[in-house]
């Protein structure tokens, strides 16, 4: 099957040639246009004195260099 590239026209949902999904973040930029942003995994960096912080925590977020929107 042919690969489908994730673009804003298909809401950033595509697939690779082997039919695995290729999904990117449909991202609203500050100029009110949309772009497809790649994902990046961030791991928490806990200070030694904080017993409530778990070093096992992580989150997938849009790569900041691609997407210029606020996370919060």
N, C-alpha and C. Protein backbone atom coordinates (compact mmCIF):
# COMPACT_ATOMS: atom_id res chain seq x y z
N UNK A 1 0.84 -1.18 0.00
CA UNK A 1 0.00 0.00 0.00
C UNK A 1 0.89 1.24 0.00
N UNK A 2 0.45 2.29 -0.61
CA UNK A 2 1.22 3.53 -0.70
C UNK A 2 1.15 4.30 0.62
N UNK A 3 2.23 4.96 0.94
CA UNK A 3 2.28 5.76 2.16
C UNK A 3 1.44 7.02 1.99
N UNK A 4 0.84 7.47 3.09
CA UNK A 4 0.08 8.71 3.12
C UNK A 4 0.79 9.66 4.08
N UNK A 5 1.24 10.79 3.57
CA UNK A 5 1.97 11.76 4.38
C UNK A 5 0.99 12.56 5.23
N UNK A 6 1.29 12.71 6.55
CA UNK A 6 0.42 13.53 7.39
C UNK A 6 0.56 15.01 7.03
N UNK A 7 -0.52 15.62 6.59
CA UNK A 7 -0.56 17.04 6.26
C UNK A 7 -1.79 17.65 6.91
N UNK A 8 -1.86 18.98 6.92
CA UNK A 8 -3.00 19.63 7.56
C UNK A 8 -4.32 19.29 6.87
N UNK A 9 -4.28 19.00 5.59
CA UNK A 9 -5.49 18.65 4.87
C UNK A 9 -6.15 17.36 5.36
N UNK A 10 -5.35 16.42 5.89
CA UNK A 10 -5.91 15.19 6.44
C UNK A 10 -5.78 15.15 7.96
N UNK A 11 -5.73 16.33 8.58
CA UNK A 11 -5.65 16.49 10.05
C UNK A 11 -4.43 15.77 10.63
N UNK A 12 -3.36 15.70 9.84
CA UNK A 12 -2.06 15.15 10.26
C UNK A 12 -2.09 13.65 10.56
N UNK A 13 -3.00 12.93 9.92
CA UNK A 13 -3.08 11.48 10.09
C UNK A 13 -2.70 10.84 8.76
N UNK A 14 -1.67 10.01 8.81
CA UNK A 14 -1.22 9.31 7.62
C UNK A 14 -0.80 7.90 7.98
N UNK A 15 -0.07 7.26 7.07
CA UNK A 15 0.45 5.94 7.36
C UNK A 15 1.73 5.71 6.54
N UNK A 16 2.55 4.78 7.05
CA UNK A 16 3.78 4.39 6.37
C UNK A 16 3.45 3.36 5.29
N UNK A 17 4.43 3.00 4.47
CA UNK A 17 4.21 2.03 3.39
C UNK A 17 3.78 0.67 3.90
N UNK A 18 4.21 0.29 5.12
CA UNK A 18 3.80 -1.01 5.67
C UNK A 18 2.46 -0.92 6.39
N UNK A 19 1.75 0.19 6.23
CA UNK A 19 0.41 0.45 6.76
C UNK A 19 0.38 0.77 8.26
N UNK A 20 1.56 0.94 8.88
CA UNK A 20 1.59 1.42 10.27
C UNK A 20 1.15 2.87 10.29
N UNK A 21 0.43 3.29 11.35
CA UNK A 21 -0.03 4.68 11.41
C UNK A 21 1.11 5.67 11.57
N UNK A 22 0.98 6.80 10.94
CA UNK A 22 1.92 7.91 11.07
C UNK A 22 1.09 9.13 11.47
N UNK A 23 0.92 9.32 12.77
CA UNK A 23 0.04 10.35 13.29
C UNK A 23 0.88 11.45 13.94
N UNK A 24 0.63 12.68 13.55
CA UNK A 24 1.31 13.82 14.13
C UNK A 24 0.29 14.73 14.79
N UNK A 25 0.78 15.67 15.58
CA UNK A 25 -0.10 16.58 16.30
C UNK A 25 -0.61 17.67 15.36
N UNK A 26 -1.91 17.85 15.30
CA UNK A 26 -2.55 18.91 14.51
C UNK A 26 -2.48 20.17 15.37
N UNK A 27 -1.58 21.08 15.03
CA UNK A 27 -1.17 22.16 15.91
C UNK A 27 -1.60 23.53 15.40
N UNK A 28 -2.27 24.28 16.26
CA UNK A 28 -2.66 25.65 15.94
C UNK A 28 -1.50 26.58 16.29
N UNK A 29 -1.00 27.31 15.29
CA UNK A 29 0.11 28.24 15.51
C UNK A 29 -0.43 29.61 15.90
N UNK A 30 0.46 30.48 16.34
CA UNK A 30 0.06 31.81 16.82
C UNK A 30 -0.53 32.70 15.73
N UNK A 31 -0.24 32.40 14.47
CA UNK A 31 -0.80 33.21 13.37
C UNK A 31 -2.12 32.63 12.86
N UNK A 32 -2.77 31.78 13.64
CA UNK A 32 -4.08 31.18 13.36
C UNK A 32 -4.06 30.20 12.19
N UNK A 33 -2.90 29.69 11.82
CA UNK A 33 -2.81 28.63 10.83
C UNK A 33 -2.46 27.33 11.54
N UNK A 34 -2.63 26.22 10.85
CA UNK A 34 -2.34 24.92 11.44
C UNK A 34 -1.09 24.32 10.81
N UNK A 35 -0.42 23.47 11.55
CA UNK A 35 0.73 22.74 11.05
C UNK A 35 0.74 21.36 11.69
N UNK A 36 1.47 20.44 11.10
CA UNK A 36 1.64 19.11 11.69
C UNK A 36 2.96 19.11 12.46
N UNK A 37 2.87 18.81 13.73
CA UNK A 37 4.06 18.81 14.58
C UNK A 37 4.43 17.39 14.98
N UNK A 38 5.71 17.13 15.04
CA UNK A 38 6.19 15.83 15.50
C UNK A 38 6.10 15.78 17.02
N UNK A 39 6.27 14.60 17.57
CA UNK A 39 6.17 14.39 19.01
C UNK A 39 7.56 14.23 19.62
N UNK A 40 7.66 14.59 20.89
CA UNK A 40 8.91 14.41 21.62
C UNK A 40 8.58 13.95 23.03
N UNK A 41 9.34 12.98 23.54
CA UNK A 41 9.11 12.48 24.89
C UNK A 41 9.98 13.25 25.88
N UNK A 42 9.34 13.80 26.90
CA UNK A 42 10.06 14.49 27.96
C UNK A 42 9.97 13.67 29.23
N UNK A 43 11.11 13.44 29.86
CA UNK A 43 11.15 12.75 31.15
C UNK A 43 11.33 13.78 32.26
N UNK A 44 10.74 13.49 33.39
CA UNK A 44 10.83 14.42 34.51
C UNK A 44 12.24 14.37 35.11
N UNK A 45 12.70 15.51 35.60
CA UNK A 45 13.98 15.59 36.30
C UNK A 45 13.68 16.00 37.73
N UNK A 46 13.73 15.04 38.63
CA UNK A 46 13.35 15.27 40.03
C UNK A 46 14.52 15.75 40.85
N UNK A 47 14.31 16.81 41.66
CA UNK A 47 15.35 17.19 42.62
C UNK A 47 15.44 16.12 43.70
N UNK A 48 16.61 15.92 44.28
CA UNK A 48 16.81 14.86 45.26
C UNK A 48 15.96 15.05 46.51
N UNK A 49 15.60 16.28 46.83
CA UNK A 49 14.86 16.54 48.06
C UNK A 49 13.34 16.38 47.91
N UNK A 50 12.86 16.20 46.72
CA UNK A 50 11.42 16.09 46.49
C UNK A 50 11.01 14.62 46.46
N UNK A 51 10.43 14.14 47.57
CA UNK A 51 10.05 12.72 47.66
C UNK A 51 8.77 12.42 46.89
N UNK A 52 8.00 13.44 46.49
CA UNK A 52 6.76 13.24 45.76
C UNK A 52 6.97 13.12 44.26
N UNK A 53 8.14 13.45 43.78
CA UNK A 53 8.43 13.42 42.35
C UNK A 53 8.87 12.01 41.95
N UNK A 54 8.28 11.50 40.87
CA UNK A 54 8.62 10.17 40.39
C UNK A 54 9.49 10.27 39.13
N UNK A 55 10.62 9.61 39.17
CA UNK A 55 11.51 9.61 37.99
C UNK A 55 10.95 8.74 36.87
N UNK A 56 9.87 8.02 37.13
CA UNK A 56 9.24 7.18 36.10
C UNK A 56 8.27 7.98 35.24
N UNK A 57 7.99 9.23 35.60
CA UNK A 57 7.02 10.05 34.86
C UNK A 57 7.61 10.53 33.54
N UNK A 58 6.75 10.61 32.54
CA UNK A 58 7.14 11.12 31.24
C UNK A 58 5.91 11.59 30.50
N UNK A 59 6.12 12.39 29.47
CA UNK A 59 4.98 12.90 28.69
C UNK A 59 5.41 13.10 27.24
N UNK A 60 4.50 12.82 26.32
CA UNK A 60 4.71 13.09 24.91
C UNK A 60 4.09 14.45 24.61
N UNK A 61 4.86 15.36 24.08
CA UNK A 61 4.35 16.69 23.71
C UNK A 61 4.88 17.06 22.33
N UNK A 62 4.27 18.07 21.76
CA UNK A 62 4.73 18.53 20.44
C UNK A 62 6.12 19.12 20.55
N UNK A 63 6.94 18.86 19.56
CA UNK A 63 8.27 19.45 19.55
C UNK A 63 8.15 20.97 19.51
N UNK A 64 8.72 21.64 20.46
CA UNK A 64 8.58 23.09 20.60
C UNK A 64 9.13 23.83 19.39
N UNK A 65 10.12 23.27 18.73
CA UNK A 65 10.67 23.94 17.56
C UNK A 65 9.69 23.94 16.40
N UNK A 66 8.70 23.06 16.42
CA UNK A 66 7.73 22.97 15.34
C UNK A 66 6.43 23.67 15.69
N UNK A 67 6.00 23.56 16.94
CA UNK A 67 4.70 24.07 17.35
C UNK A 67 4.88 25.19 18.36
N UNK A 68 4.32 26.35 18.09
CA UNK A 68 4.51 27.51 18.95
C UNK A 68 3.26 27.83 19.76
N UNK A 69 2.61 26.82 20.30
CA UNK A 69 1.44 27.08 21.14
C UNK A 69 1.77 26.72 22.58
N UNK A 70 1.01 27.28 23.50
CA UNK A 70 1.23 27.02 24.91
C UNK A 70 0.68 25.65 25.28
N UNK A 71 1.33 24.97 26.21
CA UNK A 71 0.85 23.68 26.68
C UNK A 71 -0.21 23.86 27.75
N UNK A 72 -0.22 25.00 28.42
CA UNK A 72 -1.19 25.25 29.50
C UNK A 72 -1.91 26.54 29.25
